[in-house]
Amino acid sequence: MKEKFTQSVQAAITRLALPASYRQAVEGVVCALAAEISNCHQAMGRPIVVGLNGSQGSGKSTVSEFLKLCLELLHGLPAALVSLDDIYLSKSDREKLALEVHPLLKTRGVPGTHQLSLGLETIDSLINASDASRTLLPGFDKSIDDVLPLSNWRPFQGRAEVVILEGWCVAARAQNEEALLEPVNTLELNDDLSGVWRNYVNAQLESHYPVLFNKIDFNVMLKAPDFDCVFGWRLLQEQKLMAQVKNLGRRQEAKQGLLGEAELKYFLMHYERLTRFMLTDLPDRMDAVIPVSRDHRLLNLELKR
């Protein structure tokens, strides 16, 4: 099994175009995290949900994929990946929300723009499944900014012993009302001066998201050095997505959902407030924290509990 794990890690590194040095991060930091999660699973004696938080571009999807390999091949624990990015509301639903509540809610990502019931149903299906069960994992196509057709959702066979729920605001808490008074950037100043949007987002986080986040048994954070490095990380992510779209020979209109530098800076302002808050609020509440360097290296595993 160890040999198969080594081969699988190398194949994934090649497929994801990662530097060869990433193997050290997997064999060190990610494998250590998998061992802690395995211990948690054993102690609880049931399928568990692992929450993986990290700012945009921090490498959540990549870490999740290698964590899945570690859990399955080294610990014998079938693992399923569920991303907040895959349970966004459809474009039409967000357009409706923008008309009824605030125009900024047309943009995906902030609390209030997810199908929480779909996330809950998917997790419950995965952890309560029989060997013969088949669970469809939701999908969202960022290049067209809309939900994927059901026929394109990925199937997961059997019961997941570990469900990895990853997303930029996983485990986030609402801010107090005073913190919402002053705009944190030009988007809030120019487009949400009265605070309707940020108060709505905060209220959603306080009232509705705990139902999903309380499913989590083990919380992990990929911790960025600060918010300033997020733009560079997310720009690299967008460039990789554009390359994938080109390689797939997608139609020109499918590229409209991808962002240039100026658009990306504006886009990230939607997440700046909560990202900055999480960088200070979350670390002490996590079970484990993985600091990420500015050049995207996973530095070590810090156990908090």
C-alpha atoms as a PDB file:
ATOM      1  CA  MET A   1       0.000   0.000   0.000  1.00  0.00           C
ATOM      2  CA  LYS A   2       2.898   2.336   0.743  1.00  0.00           C
ATOM      3  CA  GLU A   3       4.238   1.829  -2.774  1.00  0.00           C
ATOM      4  CA  LYS A   4       0.824   2.548  -4.274  1.00  0.00           C
ATOM      5  CA  PHE A   5       0.602   5.699  -2.157  1.00  0.00           C
ATOM      6  CA  THR A   6       4.002   6.923  -3.371  1.00  0.00           C
ATOM      7  CA  GLN A   7       3.030   6.299  -6.989  1.00  0.00           C
ATOM      8  CA  SER A   8      -0.341   8.009  -6.543  1.00  0.00           C
ATOM      9  CA  VAL A   9       1.257  11.074  -4.953  1.00  0.00           C
ATOM     10  CA  GLN A  10       3.747  11.407  -7.788  1.00  0.00           C
ATOM     11  CA  ALA A  11       1.009  10.995 -10.400  1.00  0.00           C
ATOM     12  CA  ALA A  12      -1.081  13.707  -8.735  1.00  0.00           C
ATOM     13  CA  ILE A  13       1.896  16.075  -8.517  1.00  0.00           C
ATOM     14  CA  THR A  14       2.502  15.612 -12.240  1.00  0.00           C
ATOM     15  CA  ARG A  15      -1.178  16.001 -13.158  1.00  0.00           C
ATOM     16  CA  LEU A  16      -1.575  19.162 -11.070  1.00  0.00           C
ATOM     17  CA  ALA A  17       1.719  20.631 -12.391  1.00  0.00           C
ATOM     18  CA  LEU A  18       3.073  21.060  -8.864  1.00  0.00           C
ATOM     19  CA  PRO A  19       6.775  21.450  -8.047  1.00  0.00           C
ATOM     20  CA  ALA A  20       8.590  18.240  -7.116  1.00  0.00           C
ATOM     21  CA  SER A  21       9.161  19.676  -3.645  1.00  0.00           C
ATOM     22  CA  TYR A  22       5.433  19.369  -2.924  1.00  0.00           C
ATOM     23  CA  ARG A  23       6.022  15.681  -2.277  1.00  0.00           C
ATOM     24  CA  GLN A  24       7.901  16.607   0.916  1.00  0.00           C
ATOM     25  CA  ALA A  25       4.913  18.648   2.084  1.00  0.00           C
ATOM     26  CA  VAL A  26       2.613  15.697   1.440  1.00  0.00           C
ATOM     27  CA  GLU A  27       4.821  13.131   3.155  1.00  0.00           C
ATOM     28  CA  GLY A  28       5.396  15.474   6.080  1.00  0.00           C
ATOM     29  CA  VAL A  29       2.563  17.883   6.790  1.00  0.00           C
ATOM     30  CA  VAL A  30      -0.383  16.240   4.983  1.00  0.00           C
ATOM     31  CA  CYS A  31       0.435  12.733   6.182  1.00  0.00           C
ATOM     32  CA  ALA A  32       0.756  14.016   9.753  1.00  0.00           C
ATOM     33  CA  LEU A  33      -2.665  15.642   9.415  1.00  0.00           C
ATOM     34  CA  ALA A  34      -4.131  12.405   8.060  1.00  0.00           C
ATOM     35  CA  ALA A  35      -2.775  10.516  11.075  1.00  0.00           C
ATOM     36  CA  GLU A  36      -4.489  12.961  13.453  1.00  0.00           C
ATOM     37  CA  ILE A  37      -7.756  12.637  11.541  1.00  0.00           C
ATOM     38  CA  SER A  38      -7.465   8.843  11.645  1.00  0.00           C
ATOM     39  CA  ASN A  39      -7.019   9.047  15.418  1.00  0.00           C
ATOM     40  CA  CYS A  40     -10.125  11.232  15.645  1.00  0.00           C
ATOM     41  CA  HIS A  41     -12.100   8.754  13.543  1.00  0.00           C
ATOM     42  CA  GLN A  42     -10.988   5.881  15.732  1.00  0.00           C
ATOM     43  CA  ALA A  43     -11.840   7.746  18.941  1.00  0.00           C
ATOM     44  CA  MET A  44     -15.337   8.622  17.711  1.00  0.00           C
ATOM     45  CA  GLY A  45     -16.035   5.217  16.253  1.00  0.00           C
ATOM     46  CA  ARG A  46     -18.087   6.595  13.356  1.00  0.00           C
ATOM     47  CA  PRO A  47     -17.708   8.516  10.086  1.00  0.00           C
ATOM     48  CA  ILE A  48     -16.445  12.045  10.692  1.00  0.00           C
ATOM     49  CA  VAL A  49     -16.496  15.403   8.909  1.00  0.00           C
ATOM     50  CA  VAL A  50     -13.261  17.370   8.570  1.00  0.00           C
ATOM     51  CA  GLY A  51     -13.534  21.099   7.919  1.00  0.00           C
ATOM     52  CA  LEU A  52     -10.732  22.675   5.899  1.00  0.00           C
ATOM     53  CA  ASN A  53     -10.635  26.478   5.929  1.00  0.00           C
ATOM     54  CA  GLY A  54      -8.301  28.662   3.887  1.00  0.00           C
ATOM     55  CA  SER A  55      -8.345  31.969   2.046  1.00  0.00           C
ATOM     56  CA  GLN A  56      -8.758  32.161  -1.719  1.00  0.00           C
ATOM     57  CA  GLY A  57      -5.859  30.544  -3.529  1.00  0.00           C
ATOM     58  CA  SER A  58      -4.352  29.026  -0.370  1.00  0.00           C
ATOM     59  CA  GLY A  59      -4.355  25.522  -1.829  1.00  0.00           C
ATOM     60  CA  LYS A  60      -7.397  23.965  -0.133  1.00  0.00           C
ATOM     61  CA  SER A  61      -8.405  21.836  -3.112  1.00  0.00           C
ATOM     62  CA  THR A  62      -4.851  20.580  -3.587  1.00  0.00           C
ATOM     63  CA  VAL A  63      -4.368  19.723   0.081  1.00  0.00           C
ATOM     64  CA  SER A  64      -7.783  18.035   0.123  1.00  0.00           C
ATOM     65  CA  GLU A  65      -6.851  15.799  -2.780  1.00  0.00           C
ATOM     66  CA  PHE A  66      -3.624  14.636  -1.160  1.00  0.00           C
ATOM     67  CA  LEU A  67      -5.318  14.279   2.213  1.00  0.00           C
ATOM     68  CA  LYS A  68      -7.828  11.954   0.561  1.00  0.00           C
ATOM     69  CA  LEU A  69      -4.951   9.838  -0.789  1.00  0.00           C
ATOM     70  CA  CYS A  70      -3.330   9.662   2.657  1.00  0.00           C
ATOM     71  CA  LEU A  71      -6.557   8.668   4.377  1.00  0.00           C
ATOM     72  CA  GLU A  72      -7.500   6.025   1.840  1.00  0.00           C
ATOM     73  CA  LEU A  73      -4.138   4.455   1.048  1.00  0.00           C
ATOM     74  CA  LEU A  74      -2.362   4.771   4.404  1.00  0.00           C
ATOM     75  CA  HIS A  75      -5.266   4.489   6.840  1.00  0.00           C
ATOM     76  CA  GLY A  76      -7.920   2.579   4.906  1.00  0.00           C
ATOM     77  CA  LEU A  77     -10.521   5.314   5.344  1.00  0.00           C
ATOM     78  CA  PRO A  78     -12.691   6.051   2.269  1.00  0.00           C
ATOM     79  CA  ALA A  79     -12.820   9.846   1.961  1.00  0.00           C
ATOM     80  CA  ALA A  80     -15.136  12.140   0.009  1.00  0.00           C
ATOM     81  CA  LEU A  81     -14.427  15.750  -0.967  1.00  0.00           C
ATOM     82  CA  VAL A  82     -17.206  18.324  -0.685  1.00  0.00           C
ATOM     83  CA  SER A  83     -16.427  21.965  -1.470  1.00  0.00           C
ATOM     84  CA  LEU A  84     -18.426  25.066  -0.598  1.00  0.00           C
ATOM     85  CA  ASP A  85     -17.513  26.175  -4.122  1.00  0.00           C
ATOM     86  CA  ASP A  86     -19.649  23.338  -5.480  1.00  0.00           C
ATOM     87  CA  ILE A  87     -22.829  24.293  -3.631  1.00  0.00           C
ATOM     88  CA  TYR A  88     -23.139  27.888  -4.801  1.00  0.00           C
ATOM     89  CA  LEU A  89     -26.587  29.116  -5.724  1.00  0.00           C
ATOM     90  CA  SER A  90     -27.245  29.140  -9.452  1.00  0.00           C
ATOM     91  CA  LYS A  91     -26.664  32.323 -11.418  1.00  0.00           C
ATOM     92  CA  SER A  92     -30.416  32.909 -11.745  1.00  0.00           C
ATOM     93  CA  ASP A  93     -30.967  32.450  -7.997  1.00  0.00           C
ATOM     94  CA  ARG A  94     -28.207  34.935  -7.219  1.00  0.00           C
ATOM     95  CA  GLU A  95     -29.643  37.408  -9.697  1.00  0.00           C
ATOM     96  CA  LYS A  96     -32.971  37.116  -7.900  1.00  0.00           C
ATOM     97  CA  LEU A  97     -31.252  37.658  -4.547  1.00  0.00           C
ATOM     98  CA  ALA A  98     -29.504  40.715  -5.984  1.00  0.00           C
ATOM     99  CA  LEU A  99     -32.844  42.231  -6.940  1.00  0.00           C
ATOM    100  CA  GLU A 100     -34.588  41.419  -3.666  1.00  0.00           C
ATOM    101  CA  VAL A 101     -31.810  42.160  -1.145  1.00  0.00           C
ATOM    102  CA  HIS A 102     -28.697  43.851  -2.576  1.00  0.00           C
ATOM    103  CA  PRO A 103     -26.935  43.959  -5.997  1.00  0.00           C
ATOM    104  CA  LEU A 104     -23.634  42.644  -4.550  1.00  0.00           C
ATOM    105  CA  LEU A 105     -25.264  39.277  -3.837  1.00  0.00           C
ATOM    106  CA  LYS A 106     -25.085  38.515  -7.539  1.00  0.00           C
ATOM    107  CA  THR A 107     -21.423  37.662  -6.943  1.00  0.00           C
ATOM    108  CA  ARG A 108     -20.866  34.116  -5.692  1.00  0.00           C
ATOM    109  CA  GLY A 109     -18.928  33.243  -2.579  1.00  0.00           C
ATOM    110  CA  VAL A 110     -20.060  35.156   0.480  1.00  0.00           C
ATOM    111  CA  PRO A 111     -22.341  33.594   3.103  1.00  0.00           C
ATOM    112  CA  GLY A 112     -25.865  33.749   1.743  1.00  0.00           C
ATOM    113  CA  THR A 113     -24.895  32.554  -1.760  1.00  0.00           C
ATOM    114  CA  HIS A 114     -24.672  28.824  -0.998  1.00  0.00           C
ATOM    115  CA  GLN A 115     -27.211  26.003  -1.166  1.00  0.00           C
ATOM    116  CA  LEU A 116     -26.762  24.926   2.450  1.00  0.00           C
ATOM    117  CA  SER A 117     -29.498  22.295   2.273  1.00  0.00           C
ATOM    118  CA  LEU A 118     -27.638  20.639  -0.618  1.00  0.00           C
ATOM    119  CA  GLY A 119     -24.434  20.565   1.422  1.00  0.00           C
ATOM    120  CA  LEU A 120     -26.220  19.031   4.403  1.00  0.00           C
ATOM    121  CA  GLU A 121     -28.014  16.445   2.262  1.00  0.00           C
ATOM    122  CA  THR A 122     -24.762  15.461   0.552  1.00  0.00           C
ATOM    123  CA  ILE A 123     -22.848  15.026   3.811  1.00  0.00           C
ATOM    124  CA  ASP A 124     -25.675  13.042   5.428  1.00  0.00           C
ATOM    125  CA  SER A 125     -25.915  10.808   2.372  1.00  0.00           C
ATOM    126  CA  LEU A 126     -22.173  10.132   2.391  1.00  0.00           C
ATOM    127  CA  ILE A 127     -21.877   9.213   6.073  1.00  0.00           C
ATOM    128  CA  ASN A 128     -25.094   7.177   6.246  1.00  0.00           C
ATOM    129  CA  ALA A 129     -24.603   5.262   3.018  1.00  0.00           C
ATOM    130  CA  SER A 130     -24.431   1.502   2.572  1.00  0.00           C
ATOM    131  CA  ASP A 131     -21.776  -0.255   0.486  1.00  0.00           C
ATOM    132  CA  ALA A 132     -24.190  -0.291  -2.435  1.00  0.00           C
ATOM    133  CA  SER A 133     -25.157   3.386  -2.154  1.00  0.00           C
ATOM    134  CA  ARG A 134     -24.160   5.920  -4.772  1.00  0.00           C
ATOM    135  CA  THR A 135     -24.019   9.606  -3.797  1.00  0.00           C
ATOM    136  CA  LEU A 136     -23.747  12.321  -6.429  1.00  0.00           C
ATOM    137  CA  LEU A 137     -21.331  15.095  -5.420  1.00  0.00           C
ATOM    138  CA  PRO A 138     -22.497  18.589  -6.489  1.00  0.00           C
ATOM    139  CA  GLY A 139     -20.540  20.595  -9.025  1.00  0.00           C
ATOM    140  CA  PHE A 140     -20.215  24.251 -10.039  1.00  0.00           C
ATOM    141  CA  ASP A 141     -18.438  25.574 -13.138  1.00  0.00           C
ATOM    142  CA  LYS A 142     -16.642  28.846 -12.352  1.00  0.00           C
ATOM    143  CA  SER A 143     -15.864  29.469 -16.014  1.00  0.00           C
ATOM    144  CA  ILE A 144     -19.587  29.963 -16.698  1.00  0.00           C
ATOM    145  CA  ASP A 145     -20.435  31.005 -13.115  1.00  0.00           C
ATOM    146  CA  ASP A 146     -23.245  28.478 -12.803  1.00  0.00           C
ATOM    147  CA  VAL A 147     -24.225  25.087 -11.416  1.00  0.00           C
ATOM    148  CA  LEU A 148     -23.149  22.055 -13.434  1.00  0.00           C
ATOM    149  CA  PRO A 149     -25.889  19.847 -14.893  1.00  0.00           C
ATOM    150  CA  LEU A 150     -26.751  16.868 -12.686  1.00  0.00           C
ATOM    151  CA  SER A 151     -25.328  14.558 -15.353  1.00  0.00           C
ATOM    152  CA  ASN A 152     -21.874  16.075 -14.678  1.00  0.00           C
ATOM    153  CA  TRP A 153     -21.895  15.562 -10.903  1.00  0.00           C
ATOM    154  CA  ARG A 154     -19.299  13.060  -9.686  1.00  0.00           C
ATOM    155  CA  PRO A 155     -20.519   9.811  -8.097  1.00  0.00           C
ATOM    156  CA  PHE A 156     -19.174   8.458  -4.794  1.00  0.00           C
ATOM    157  CA  GLN A 157     -19.705   4.774  -4.165  1.00  0.00           C
ATOM    158  CA  GLY A 158     -20.419   3.459  -0.667  1.00  0.00           C
ATOM    159  CA  ARG A 159     -20.009   5.125   2.716  1.00  0.00           C
ATOM    160  CA  ALA A 160     -17.410   7.802   3.362  1.00  0.00           C
ATOM    161  CA  GLU A 161     -15.568   7.323   6.654  1.00  0.00           C
ATOM    162  CA  VAL A 162     -14.219  10.864   6.290  1.00  0.00           C
ATOM    163  CA  VAL A 163     -15.954  13.757   4.533  1.00  0.00           C
ATOM    164  CA  ILE A 164     -13.627  16.679   3.832  1.00  0.00           C
ATOM    165  CA  LEU A 165     -15.653  19.896   3.690  1.00  0.00           C
ATOM    166  CA  GLU A 166     -13.405  22.598   2.286  1.00  0.00           C
ATOM    167  CA  GLY A 167     -14.072  26.258   1.633  1.00  0.00           C
ATOM    168  CA  TRP A 168     -12.830  29.772   2.245  1.00  0.00           C
ATOM    169  CA  CYS A 169     -15.348  30.486   5.033  1.00  0.00           C
ATOM    170  CA  VAL A 170     -15.692  27.025   6.584  1.00  0.00           C
ATOM    171  CA  ALA A 171     -16.130  27.352  10.388  1.00  0.00           C
ATOM    172  CA  ALA A 172     -16.328  31.163  10.205  1.00  0.00           C
ATOM    173  CA  ARG A 173     -18.266  33.076  12.861  1.00  0.00           C
ATOM    174  CA  ALA A 174     -20.279  36.259  12.496  1.00  0.00           C
ATOM    175  CA  GLN A 175     -18.733  39.570  13.536  1.00  0.00           C
ATOM    176  CA  ASN A 176     -20.247  41.841  16.161  1.00  0.00           C
ATOM    177  CA  GLU A 177     -22.436  44.692  14.925  1.00  0.00           C
ATOM    178  CA  GLU A 178     -19.891  47.419  15.727  1.00  0.00           C
ATOM    179  CA  ALA A 179     -17.317  45.787  13.450  1.00  0.00           C
ATOM    180  CA  LEU A 180     -19.691  46.232  10.510  1.00  0.00           C
ATOM    181  CA  LEU A 181     -20.039  49.991  10.817  1.00  0.00           C
ATOM    182  CA  GLU A 182     -16.926  51.097   8.915  1.00  0.00           C
ATOM    183  CA  PRO A 183     -16.233  49.981   5.309  1.00  0.00           C
ATOM    184  CA  VAL A 184     -13.018  47.953   4.931  1.00  0.00           C
ATOM    185  CA  ASN A 185     -12.401  48.732   1.237  1.00  0.00           C
ATOM    186  CA  THR A 186     -13.662  50.770  -1.717  1.00  0.00           C
ATOM    187  CA  LEU A 187     -16.252  48.155  -2.664  1.00  0.00           C
ATOM    188  CA  GLU A 188     -17.976  48.543   0.699  1.00  0.00           C
ATOM    189  CA  LEU A 189     -17.534  52.308   0.598  1.00  0.00           C
ATOM    190  CA  ASN A 190     -18.930  52.777  -2.906  1.00  0.00           C
ATOM    191  CA  ASP A 191     -21.378  49.875  -3.282  1.00  0.00           C
ATOM    192  CA  ASP A 192     -22.509  49.196   0.289  1.00  0.00           C
ATOM    193  CA  LEU A 193     -22.234  52.502   2.115  1.00  0.00           C
ATOM    194  CA  SER A 194     -25.402  51.839   4.147  1.00  0.00           C
ATOM    195  CA  GLY A 195     -24.154  48.373   5.125  1.00  0.00           C
ATOM    196  CA  VAL A 196     -27.164  46.409   3.844  1.00  0.00           C
ATOM    197  CA  TRP A 197     -25.018  43.804   2.047  1.00  0.00           C
ATOM    198  CA  ARG A 198     -22.472  43.187   4.798  1.00  0.00           C
ATOM    199  CA  ASN A 199     -25.168  43.014   7.466  1.00  0.00           C
ATOM    200  CA  TYR A 200     -27.103  40.486   5.382  1.00  0.00           C
ATOM    201  CA  VAL A 201     -23.979  38.366   4.890  1.00  0.00           C
ATOM    202  CA  ASN A 202     -23.193  38.542   8.605  1.00  0.00           C
ATOM    203  CA  ALA A 203     -26.762  37.593   9.546  1.00  0.00           C
ATOM    204  CA  GLN A 204     -26.633  34.581   7.229  1.00  0.00           C
ATOM    205  CA  LEU A 205     -23.390  33.486   8.824  1.00  0.00           C
ATOM    206  CA  GLU A 206     -24.863  33.816  12.299  1.00  0.00           C
ATOM    207  CA  SER A 207     -28.259  32.238  11.672  1.00  0.00           C
ATOM    208  CA  HIS A 208     -27.925  29.617   8.937  1.00  0.00           C
ATOM    209  CA  TYR A 209     -24.325  28.463   8.481  1.00  0.00           C
ATOM    210  CA  PRO A 210     -23.838  26.959  11.977  1.00  0.00           C
ATOM    211  CA  VAL A 211     -26.190  24.119  10.974  1.00  0.00           C
ATOM    212  CA  LEU A 212     -23.631  23.060   8.364  1.00  0.00           C
ATOM    213  CA  PHE A 213     -20.481  23.929  10.296  1.00  0.00           C
ATOM    214  CA  ASN A 214     -21.686  22.104  13.424  1.00  0.00           C
ATOM    215  CA  LYS A 215     -21.418  18.888  11.408  1.00  0.00           C
ATOM    216  CA  ILE A 216     -17.637  19.268  11.573  1.00  0.00           C
ATOM    217  CA  ASP A 217     -15.756  17.015  13.998  1.00  0.00           C
ATOM    218  CA  PHE A 218     -12.193  18.163  13.219  1.00  0.00           C
ATOM    219  CA  ASN A 219     -11.346  21.688  12.021  1.00  0.00           C
ATOM    220  CA  VAL A 220      -8.218  22.579  10.043  1.00  0.00           C
ATOM    221  CA  MET A 221      -7.040  25.967   8.780  1.00  0.00           C
ATOM    222  CA  LEU A 222      -4.548  26.736   6.026  1.00  0.00           C
ATOM    223  CA  LYS A 223      -3.365  30.048   7.437  1.00  0.00           C
ATOM    224  CA  ALA A 224      -2.156  32.761   5.065  1.00  0.00           C
ATOM    225  CA  PRO A 225       0.490  35.207   6.328  1.00  0.00           C
ATOM    226  CA  ASP A 226      -1.951  38.081   5.717  1.00  0.00           C
ATOM    227  CA  PHE A 227      -4.662  39.225   3.336  1.00  0.00           C
ATOM    228  CA  ASP A 228      -2.242  41.017   1.014  1.00  0.00           C
ATOM    229  CA  CYS A 229      -0.773  37.788  -0.368  1.00  0.00           C
ATOM    230  CA  VAL A 230      -4.221  36.433  -1.249  1.00  0.00           C
ATOM    231  CA  PHE A 231      -4.396  38.414  -4.515  1.00  0.00           C
ATOM    232  CA  GLY A 232      -1.210  36.845  -5.902  1.00  0.00           C
ATOM    233  CA  TRP A 233      -2.363  33.371  -4.948  1.00  0.00           C
ATOM    234  CA  ARG A 234      -5.822  33.849  -6.432  1.00  0.00           C
ATOM    235  CA  LEU A 235      -4.416  35.361  -9.640  1.00  0.00           C
ATOM    236  CA  LEU A 236      -2.291  32.248 -10.136  1.00  0.00           C
ATOM    237  CA  GLN A 237      -5.398  30.125  -9.572  1.00  0.00           C
ATOM    238  CA  GLU A 238      -7.331  32.104 -12.186  1.00  0.00           C
ATOM    239  CA  GLN A 239      -4.505  31.731 -14.710  1.00  0.00           C
ATOM    240  CA  LYS A 240      -4.479  27.959 -14.192  1.00  0.00           C
ATOM    241  CA  LEU A 241      -8.243  27.832 -14.677  1.00  0.00           C
ATOM    242  CA  MET A 242      -7.935  29.809 -17.907  1.00  0.00           C
ATOM    243  CA  ALA A 243      -5.276  27.372 -19.141  1.00  0.00           C
ATOM    244  CA  GLN A 244      -7.592  24.439 -18.376  1.00  0.00           C
ATOM    245  CA  VAL A 245     -10.444  26.055 -20.285  1.00  0.00           C
ATOM    246  CA  LYS A 246      -8.178  26.628 -23.302  1.00  0.00           C
ATOM    247  CA  ASN A 247      -6.870  23.054 -23.162  1.00  0.00           C
ATOM    248  CA  LEU A 248     -10.418  21.725 -23.163  1.00  0.00           C
ATOM    249  CA  GLY A 249     -11.224  23.745 -26.271  1.00  0.00           C
ATOM    250  CA  ARG A 250     -14.119  25.474 -24.559  1.00  0.00           C
ATOM    251  CA  ARG A 251     -16.209  28.024 -26.416  1.00  0.00           C
ATOM    252  CA  GLN A 252     -15.346  31.691 -26.091  1.00  0.00           C
ATOM    253  CA  GLU A 253     -18.451  32.437 -24.053  1.00  0.00           C
ATOM    254  CA  ALA A 254     -17.382  29.878 -21.435  1.00  0.00           C
ATOM    255  CA  LYS A 255     -14.398  32.095 -20.648  1.00  0.00           C
ATOM    256  CA  GLN A 256     -16.530  35.036 -19.628  1.00  0.00           C
ATOM    257  CA  GLY A 257     -16.669  33.827 -16.019  1.00  0.00           C
ATOM    258  CA  LEU A 258     -12.877  34.008 -15.670  1.00  0.00           C
ATOM    259  CA  LEU A 259     -11.303  37.171 -14.295  1.00  0.00           C
ATOM    260  CA  GLY A 260      -8.558  39.570 -15.347  1.00  0.00           C
ATOM    261  CA  GLU A 261      -6.358  41.344 -12.772  1.00  0.00           C
ATOM    262  CA  ALA A 262      -8.571  44.408 -12.305  1.00  0.00           C
ATOM    263  CA  GLU A 263     -11.706  42.278 -12.104  1.00  0.00           C
ATOM    264  CA  LEU A 264     -10.005  39.951  -9.645  1.00  0.00           C
ATOM    265  CA  LYS A 265      -9.049  42.802  -7.298  1.00  0.00           C
ATOM    266  CA  TYR A 266     -12.674  43.932  -7.239  1.00  0.00           C
ATOM    267  CA  PHE A 267     -13.882  40.341  -6.831  1.00  0.00           C
ATOM    268  CA  LEU A 268     -11.653  39.730  -3.796  1.00  0.00           C
ATOM    269  CA  MET A 269     -12.986  42.815  -2.050  1.00  0.00           C
ATOM    270  CA  HIS A 270     -16.199  40.832  -1.537  1.00  0.00           C
ATOM    271  CA  TYR A 271     -14.248  38.499   0.764  1.00  0.00           C
ATOM    272  CA  GLU A 272     -11.767  40.876   2.373  1.00  0.00           C
ATOM    273  CA  ARG A 273     -13.762  41.678   5.501  1.00  0.00           C
ATOM    274  CA  LEU A 274     -14.420  38.086   6.525  1.00  0.00           C
ATOM    275  CA  THR A 275     -10.985  36.848   5.425  1.00  0.00           C
ATOM    276  CA  ARG A 276      -9.217  39.407   7.623  1.00  0.00           C
ATOM    277  CA  PHE A 277     -11.514  38.536  10.542  1.00  0.00           C
ATOM    278  CA  MET A 278     -10.925  34.788  10.160  1.00  0.00           C
ATOM    279  CA  LEU A 279      -7.147  35.222  10.167  1.00  0.00           C
ATOM    280  CA  THR A 280      -7.405  36.519  13.734  1.00  0.00           C
ATOM    281  CA  ASP A 281     -10.499  34.682  14.987  1.00  0.00           C
ATOM    282  CA  LEU A 282     -10.074  31.131  13.715  1.00  0.00           C
ATOM    283  CA  PRO A 283      -6.574  29.858  14.643  1.00  0.00           C
ATOM    284  CA  ASP A 284      -7.251  29.418  18.358  1.00  0.00           C
ATOM    285  CA  ARG A 285     -10.540  27.633  17.616  1.00  0.00           C
ATOM    286  CA  MET A 286      -9.072  25.087  15.215  1.00  0.00           C
ATOM    287  CA  ASP A 287      -7.973  21.527  15.960  1.00  0.00           C
ATOM    288  CA  ALA A 288      -5.028  22.034  13.621  1.00  0.00           C
ATOM    289  CA  VAL A 289      -3.419  24.923  11.743  1.00  0.00           C
ATOM    290  CA  ILE A 290      -1.073  24.691   8.756  1.00  0.00           C
ATOM    291  CA  PRO A 291       0.772  27.986   8.179  1.00  0.00           C
ATOM    292  CA  VAL A 292       1.296  28.681   4.464  1.00  0.00           C
ATOM    293  CA  SER A 293       4.309  30.751   3.397  1.00  0.00           C
ATOM    294  CA  ARG A 294       4.062  33.572   0.873  1.00  0.00           C
ATOM    295  CA  ASP A 295       5.594  31.281  -1.757  1.00  0.00           C
ATOM    296  CA  HIS A 296       2.838  28.719  -1.096  1.00  0.00           C
ATOM    297  CA  ARG A 297       4.763  26.181   1.000  1.00  0.00           C
ATOM    298  CA  LEU A 298       3.021  24.236   3.749  1.00  0.00           C
ATOM    299  CA  LEU A 299       5.302  25.002   6.684  1.00  0.00           C
ATOM    300  CA  ASN A 300       4.238  22.590   9.435  1.00  0.00           C
ATOM    301  CA  LEU A 301       1.294  21.127  11.337  1.00  0.00           C
ATOM    302  CA  GLU A 302       0.310  22.921  14.518  1.00  0.00           C
ATOM    303  CA  LEU A 303      -2.045  20.972  16.750  1.00  0.00           C
ATOM    304  CA  LYS A 304      -4.258  23.267  18.801  1.00  0.00           C
ATOM    305  CA  ARG A 305      -6.200  20.782  20.911  1.00  0.00           C
END
